[in-house]
């Protein structure tokens, strides 16, 4: 269980490092299920880091995409 928390902390730290080193470009939160699916696929392929959140299917905040370089 502690390993899972450590992995989450390291993932968060790596995203922060990417932000500091490479900057970021903002985009609107995906508006349709297809856009959301595409964003998730890009994240899983390692092309982008996505940070965003939804609360009970309501849009909150925005997605920020960090291109891995």
PDB file of N, CA and C in Angstrom:
ATOM      1  N   UNK A   1       0.824  -1.188   0.000  1.00  0.00           N
ATOM      2  CA  UNK A   1       0.000   0.000   0.000  1.00  0.00           C
ATOM      3  C   UNK A   1       0.874   1.259   0.000  1.00  0.00           C
ATOM      4  N   UNK A   2       1.925   1.236   0.793  1.00  0.00           N
ATOM      5  CA  UNK A   2       2.834   2.382   0.826  1.00  0.00           C
ATOM      6  C   UNK A   2       3.498   2.581  -0.533  1.00  0.00           C
ATOM      7  N   UNK A   3       3.766   1.475  -1.232  1.00  0.00           N
ATOM      8  CA  UNK A   3       4.382   1.583  -2.556  1.00  0.00           C
ATOM      9  C   UNK A   3       3.480   2.342  -3.524  1.00  0.00           C
ATOM     10  N   UNK A   4       2.176   2.117  -3.411  1.00  0.00           N
ATOM     11  CA  UNK A   4       1.236   2.798  -4.294  1.00  0.00           C
ATOM     12  C   UNK A   4       1.272   4.308  -4.040  1.00  0.00           C
ATOM     13  N   UNK A   5       1.306   4.695  -2.761  1.00  0.00           N
ATOM     14  CA  UNK A   5       1.372   6.118  -2.435  1.00  0.00           C
ATOM     15  C   UNK A   5       2.690   6.725  -2.904  1.00  0.00           C
ATOM     16  N   UNK A   6       3.767   5.967  -2.775  1.00  0.00           N
ATOM     17  CA  UNK A   6       5.068   6.456  -3.217  1.00  0.00           C
ATOM     18  C   UNK A   6       5.073   6.638  -4.735  1.00  0.00           C
ATOM     19  N   UNK A   7       4.474   5.694  -5.462  1.00  0.00           N
ATOM     20  CA  UNK A   7       4.408   5.810  -6.919  1.00  0.00           C
ATOM     21  C   UNK A   7       3.596   7.037  -7.316  1.00  0.00           C
ATOM     22  N   UNK A   8       2.460   7.265  -6.641  1.00  0.00           N
ATOM     23  CA  UNK A   8       1.653   8.450  -6.945  1.00  0.00           C
ATOM     24  C   UNK A   8       2.438   9.727  -6.675  1.00  0.00           C
ATOM     25  N   UNK A   9       3.185   9.741  -5.590  1.00  0.00           N
ATOM     26  CA  UNK A   9       3.988  10.919  -5.260  1.00  0.00           C
ATOM     27  C   UNK A   9       5.071  11.148  -6.315  1.00  0.00           C
ATOM     28  N   UNK A  10       5.715  10.068  -6.753  1.00  0.00           N
ATOM     29  CA  UNK A  10       6.755  10.199  -7.782  1.00  0.00           C
ATOM     30  C   UNK A  10       6.165  10.648  -9.111  1.00  0.00           C
ATOM     31  N   UNK A  11       4.969  10.134  -9.455  1.00  0.00           N
ATOM     32  CA  UNK A  11       4.305  10.573 -10.683  1.00  0.00           C
ATOM     33  C   UNK A  11       4.007  12.067 -10.622  1.00  0.00           C
ATOM     34  N   UNK A  12       3.499  12.523  -9.488  1.00  0.00           N
ATOM     35  CA  UNK A  12       3.196  13.947  -9.329  1.00  0.00           C
ATOM     36  C   UNK A  12       4.465  14.781  -9.426  1.00  0.00           C
ATOM     37  N   UNK A  13       5.516  14.309  -8.802  1.00  0.00           N
ATOM     38  CA  UNK A  13       6.787  15.027  -8.835  1.00  0.00           C
ATOM     39  C   UNK A  13       7.331  15.106 -10.257  1.00  0.00           C
ATOM     40  N   UNK A  14       7.222  14.019 -11.006  1.00  0.00           N
ATOM     41  CA  UNK A  14       7.732  14.035 -12.380  1.00  0.00           C
ATOM     42  C   UNK A  14       6.946  15.019 -13.239  1.00  0.00           C
ATOM     43  N   UNK A  15       5.648  15.124 -13.004  1.00  0.00           N
ATOM     44  CA  UNK A  15       4.838  16.083 -13.756  1.00  0.00           C
ATOM     45  C   UNK A  15       5.264  17.508 -13.410  1.00  0.00           C
ATOM     46  N   UNK A  16       5.510  17.765 -12.134  1.00  0.00           N
ATOM     47  CA  UNK A  16       5.958  19.095 -11.721  1.00  0.00           C
ATOM     48  C   UNK A  16       7.294  19.438 -12.372  1.00  0.00           C
ATOM     49  N   UNK A  17       8.192  18.469 -12.426  1.00  0.00           N
ATOM     50  CA  UNK A  17       9.499  18.692 -13.052  1.00  0.00           C
ATOM     51  C   UNK A  17       9.333  19.019 -14.529  1.00  0.00           C
ATOM     52  N   UNK A  18       8.458  18.290 -15.209  1.00  0.00           N
ATOM     53  CA  UNK A  18       8.217  18.564 -16.628  1.00  0.00           C
ATOM     54  C   UNK A  18       7.694  19.984 -16.803  1.00  0.00           C
ATOM     55  N   UNK A  19       6.796  20.397 -15.918  1.00  0.00           N
ATOM     56  CA  UNK A  19       6.250  21.751 -16.006  1.00  0.00           C
ATOM     57  C   UNK A  19       7.360  22.780 -15.848  1.00  0.00           C
ATOM     58  N   UNK A  20       8.201  22.579 -14.859  1.00  0.00           N
ATOM     59  CA  UNK A  20       9.261  23.547 -14.602  1.00  0.00           C
ATOM     60  C   UNK A  20      10.291  23.592 -15.723  1.00  0.00           C
ATOM     61  N   UNK A  21      10.621  22.449 -16.284  1.00  0.00           N
ATOM     62  CA  UNK A  21      11.666  22.403 -17.302  1.00  0.00           C
ATOM     63  C   UNK A  21      11.184  22.812 -18.686  1.00  0.00           C
ATOM     64  N   UNK A  22      10.002  22.393 -19.045  1.00  0.00           N
ATOM     65  CA  UNK A  22       9.561  22.563 -20.427  1.00  0.00           C
ATOM     66  C   UNK A  22       8.395  23.519 -20.606  1.00  0.00           C
ATOM     67  N   UNK A  23       7.830  24.022 -19.524  1.00  0.00           N
ATOM     68  CA  UNK A  23       6.681  24.902 -19.646  1.00  0.00           C
ATOM     69  C   UNK A  23       5.440  24.113 -20.011  1.00  0.00           C
ATOM     70  N   UNK A  24       4.375  24.806 -20.258  1.00  0.00           N
ATOM     71  CA  UNK A  24       3.142  24.093 -20.582  1.00  0.00           C
ATOM     72  C   UNK A  24       2.323  24.903 -21.565  1.00  0.00           C
ATOM     73  N   UNK A  25       1.431  24.208 -22.239  1.00  0.00           N
ATOM     74  CA  UNK A  25       0.475  24.868 -23.109  1.00  0.00           C
ATOM     75  C   UNK A  25      -0.914  24.472 -22.632  1.00  0.00           C
ATOM     76  N   UNK A  26      -1.768  25.459 -22.492  1.00  0.00           N
ATOM     77  CA  UNK A  26      -3.113  25.184 -21.986  1.00  0.00           C
ATOM     78  C   UNK A  26      -4.047  24.887 -23.148  1.00  0.00           C
ATOM     79  N   UNK A  27      -5.029  24.086 -22.871  1.00  0.00           N
ATOM     80  CA  UNK A  27      -6.089  23.877 -23.843  1.00  0.00           C
ATOM     81  C   UNK A  27      -7.385  23.712 -23.079  1.00  0.00           C
ATOM     82  N   UNK A  28      -8.481  23.851 -23.782  1.00  0.00           N
ATOM     83  CA  UNK A  28      -9.768  23.668 -23.127  1.00  0.00           C
ATOM     84  C   UNK A  28      -9.942  22.212 -22.737  1.00  0.00           C
ATOM     85  N   UNK A  29     -10.733  21.998 -21.713  1.00  0.00           N
ATOM     86  CA  UNK A  29     -11.062  20.632 -21.325  1.00  0.00           C
ATOM     87  C   UNK A  29     -11.809  19.985 -22.488  1.00  0.00           C
ATOM     88  N   UNK A  30     -11.541  18.718 -22.772  1.00  0.00           N
ATOM     89  CA  UNK A  30     -12.262  18.045 -23.854  1.00  0.00           C
ATOM     90  C   UNK A  30     -13.772  18.191 -23.676  1.00  0.00           C
ATOM     91  N   UNK A  31     -14.452  18.525 -24.762  1.00  0.00           N
ATOM     92  CA  UNK A  31     -15.885  18.798 -24.687  1.00  0.00           C
ATOM     93  C   UNK A  31     -16.748  17.579 -25.005  1.00  0.00           C
ATOM     94  N   UNK A  32     -16.199  16.603 -25.691  1.00  0.00           N
ATOM     95  CA  UNK A  32     -17.001  15.449 -26.083  1.00  0.00           C
ATOM     96  C   UNK A  32     -16.316  14.171 -25.615  1.00  0.00           C
ATOM     97  N   UNK A  33     -17.077  13.078 -25.543  1.00  0.00           N
ATOM     98  CA  UNK A  33     -16.463  11.797 -25.160  1.00  0.00           C
ATOM     99  C   UNK A  33     -15.317  11.395 -26.084  1.00  0.00           C
ATOM    100  N   UNK A  34     -15.429  11.700 -27.382  1.00  0.00           N
ATOM    101  CA  UNK A  34     -14.361  11.347 -28.316  1.00  0.00           C
ATOM    102  C   UNK A  34     -13.087  12.125 -28.022  1.00  0.00           C
ATOM    103  N   UNK A  35     -13.226  13.414 -27.698  1.00  0.00           N
ATOM    104  CA  UNK A  35     -12.049  14.211 -27.360  1.00  0.00           C
ATOM    105  C   UNK A  35     -11.409  13.705 -26.079  1.00  0.00           C
ATOM    106  N   UNK A  36     -12.245  13.330 -25.115  1.00  0.00           N
ATOM    107  CA  UNK A  36     -11.727  12.797 -23.855  1.00  0.00           C
ATOM    108  C   UNK A  36     -10.983  11.499 -24.108  1.00  0.00           C
ATOM    109  N   UNK A  37     -11.551  10.624 -24.945  1.00  0.00           N
ATOM    110  CA  UNK A  37     -10.913   9.344 -25.252  1.00  0.00           C
ATOM    111  C   UNK A  37      -9.569   9.576 -25.944  1.00  0.00           C
ATOM    112  N   UNK A  38      -9.527  10.506 -26.875  1.00  0.00           N
ATOM    113  CA  UNK A  38      -8.285  10.805 -27.581  1.00  0.00           C
ATOM    114  C   UNK A  38      -7.230  11.335 -26.613  1.00  0.00           C
ATOM    115  N   UNK A  39      -7.641  12.200 -25.695  1.00  0.00           N
ATOM    116  CA  UNK A  39      -6.704  12.744 -24.721  1.00  0.00           C
ATOM    117  C   UNK A  39      -6.144  11.640 -23.836  1.00  0.00           C
ATOM    118  N   UNK A  40      -6.990  10.711 -23.418  1.00  0.00           N
ATOM    119  CA  UNK A  40      -6.536   9.598 -22.573  1.00  0.00           C
ATOM    120  C   UNK A  40      -5.574   8.711 -23.355  1.00  0.00           C
ATOM    121  N   UNK A  41      -5.878   8.455 -24.630  1.00  0.00           N
ATOM    122  CA  UNK A  41      -4.987   7.631 -25.450  1.00  0.00           C
ATOM    123  C   UNK A  41      -3.618   8.301 -25.604  1.00  0.00           C
ATOM    124  N   UNK A  42      -3.598   9.604 -25.802  1.00  0.00           N
ATOM    125  CA  UNK A  42      -2.320  10.305 -25.923  1.00  0.00           C
ATOM    126  C   UNK A  42      -1.543  10.228 -24.621  1.00  0.00           C
ATOM    127  N   UNK A  43      -2.262  10.329 -23.494  1.00  0.00           N
ATOM    128  CA  UNK A  43      -1.603  10.231 -22.189  1.00  0.00           C
ATOM    129  C   UNK A  43      -0.999   8.847 -22.007  1.00  0.00           C
ATOM    130  N   UNK A  44      -1.792   7.808 -22.307  1.00  0.00           N
ATOM    131  CA  UNK A  44      -1.324   6.438 -22.097  1.00  0.00           C
ATOM    132  C   UNK A  44      -0.178   6.087 -23.034  1.00  0.00           C
ATOM    133  N   UNK A  45      -0.138   6.689 -24.211  1.00  0.00           N
ATOM    134  CA  UNK A  45       0.948   6.402 -25.153  1.00  0.00           C
ATOM    135  C   UNK A  45       2.239   7.122 -24.760  1.00  0.00           C
ATOM    136  N   UNK A  46       2.147   8.013 -23.779  1.00  0.00           N
ATOM    137  CA  UNK A  46       3.335   8.732 -23.342  1.00  0.00           C
ATOM    138  C   UNK A  46       3.567  10.030 -24.089  1.00  0.00           C
ATOM    139  N   UNK A  47       2.634  10.395 -24.971  1.00  0.00           N
ATOM    140  CA  UNK A  47       2.817  11.616 -25.755  1.00  0.00           C
ATOM    141  C   UNK A  47       2.554  12.867 -24.913  1.00  0.00           C
ATOM    142  N   UNK A  48       1.600  12.779 -24.011  1.00  0.00           N
ATOM    143  CA  UNK A  48       1.237  13.938 -23.201  1.00  0.00           C
ATOM    144  C   UNK A  48       1.004  13.544 -21.760  1.00  0.00           C
ATOM    145  N   UNK A  49       1.256  14.471 -20.861  1.00  0.00           N
ATOM    146  CA  UNK A  49       0.765  14.357 -19.495  1.00  0.00           C
ATOM    147  C   UNK A  49      -0.535  15.150 -19.454  1.00  0.00           C
ATOM    148  N   UNK A  50      -1.553  14.606 -18.852  1.00  0.00           N
ATOM    149  CA  UNK A  50      -2.801  15.348 -18.705  1.00  0.00           C
ATOM    150  C   UNK A  50      -3.083  15.552 -17.233  1.00  0.00           C
ATOM    151  N   UNK A  51      -3.394  16.761 -16.871  1.00  0.00           N
ATOM    152  CA  UNK A  51      -3.813  17.024 -15.507  1.00  0.00           C
ATOM    153  C   UNK A  51      -5.179  17.684 -15.603  1.00  0.00           C
ATOM    154  N   UNK A  52      -6.140  17.102 -14.978  1.00  0.00           N
ATOM    155  CA  UNK A  52      -7.477  17.670 -14.972  1.00  0.00           C
ATOM    156  C   UNK A  52      -8.318  16.874 -14.006  1.00  0.00           C
ATOM    157  N   UNK A  53      -9.482  17.349 -13.705  1.00  0.00           N
ATOM    158  CA  UNK A  53     -10.334  16.588 -12.823  1.00  0.00           C
ATOM    159  C   UNK A  53     -11.786  16.923 -13.112  1.00  0.00           C
ATOM    160  N   UNK A  54     -12.646  16.000 -12.788  1.00  0.00           N
ATOM    161  CA  UNK A  54     -14.077  16.189 -12.938  1.00  0.00           C
ATOM    162  C   UNK A  54     -14.715  15.799 -11.621  1.00  0.00           C
ATOM    163  N   UNK A  55     -15.742  16.488 -11.245  1.00  0.00           N
ATOM    164  CA  UNK A  55     -16.495  16.145 -10.050  1.00  0.00           C
ATOM    165  C   UNK A  55     -17.917  15.840 -10.484  1.00  0.00           C
ATOM    166  N   UNK A  56     -18.328  14.585 -10.297  1.00  0.00           N
ATOM    167  CA  UNK A  56     -19.675  14.137 -10.636  1.00  0.00           C
ATOM    168  C   UNK A  56     -20.084  14.598 -12.036  1.00  0.00           C
ATOM    169  N   UNK A  57     -19.224  14.321 -13.002  1.00  0.00           N
ATOM    170  CA  UNK A  57     -19.463  14.617 -14.417  1.00  0.00           C
ATOM    171  C   UNK A  57     -19.620  16.099 -14.728  1.00  0.00           C
ATOM    172  N   UNK A  58     -19.218  16.965 -13.820  1.00  0.00           N
ATOM    173  CA  UNK A  58     -19.236  18.396 -14.107  1.00  0.00           C
ATOM    174  C   UNK A  58     -17.813  18.849 -14.382  1.00  0.00           C
ATOM    175  N   UNK A  59     -17.668  19.704 -15.364  1.00  0.00           N
ATOM    176  CA  UNK A  59     -16.338  20.191 -15.701  1.00  0.00           C
ATOM    177  C   UNK A  59     -15.848  21.131 -14.604  1.00  0.00           C
ATOM    178  N   UNK A  60     -14.659  20.880 -14.127  1.00  0.00           N
ATOM    179  CA  UNK A  60     -14.061  21.727 -13.101  1.00  0.00           C
ATOM    180  C   UNK A  60     -12.646  22.051 -13.551  1.00  0.00           C
ATOM    181  N   UNK A  61     -12.293  23.303 -13.520  1.00  0.00           N
ATOM    182  CA  UNK A  61     -10.943  23.675 -13.919  1.00  0.00           C
ATOM    183  C   UNK A  61     -10.738  23.463 -15.409  1.00  0.00           C
ATOM    184  N   UNK A  62      -9.563  23.033 -15.765  1.00  0.00           N
ATOM    185  CA  UNK A  62      -9.239  22.823 -17.170  1.00  0.00           C
ATOM    186  C   UNK A  62      -8.177  21.744 -17.274  1.00  0.00           C
ATOM    187  N   UNK A  63      -8.057  21.181 -18.460  1.00  0.00           N
ATOM    188  CA  UNK A  63      -6.978  20.231 -18.728  1.00  0.00           C
ATOM    189  C   UNK A  63      -5.736  21.038 -19.042  1.00  0.00           C
ATOM    190  N   UNK A  64      -4.626  20.578 -18.567  1.00  0.00           N
ATOM    191  CA  UNK A  64      -3.343  21.155 -18.958  1.00  0.00           C
ATOM    192  C   UNK A  64      -2.547  20.021 -19.585  1.00  0.00           C
ATOM    193  N   UNK A  65      -2.007  20.260 -20.749  1.00  0.00           N
ATOM    194  CA  UNK A  65      -1.252  19.228 -21.447  1.00  0.00           C
ATOM    195  C   UNK A  65       0.224  19.586 -21.408  1.00  0.00           C
ATOM    196  N   UNK A  66       1.026  18.625 -21.017  1.00  0.00           N
ATOM    197  CA  UNK A  66       2.462  18.814 -20.945  1.00  0.00           C
ATOM    198  C   UNK A  66       3.110  17.845 -21.914  1.00  0.00           C
ATOM    199  N   UNK A  67       3.678  18.365 -22.961  1.00  0.00           N
ATOM    200  CA  UNK A  67       4.278  17.502 -23.977  1.00  0.00           C
ATOM    201  C   UNK A  67       5.600  16.956 -23.455  1.00  0.00           C
ATOM    202  N   UNK A  68       5.747  15.626 -23.530  1.00  0.00           N
ATOM    203  CA  UNK A  68       7.002  15.002 -23.099  1.00  0.00           C
ATOM    204  C   UNK A  68       8.064  15.256 -24.151  1.00  0.00           C
ATOM    205  N   UNK A  69       9.244  15.658 -23.703  1.00  0.00           N
ATOM    206  CA  UNK A  69      10.335  15.907 -24.658  1.00  0.00           C
ATOM    207  C   UNK A  69      11.582  15.215 -24.201  1.00  0.00           C
TER     208      UNK A  69
END
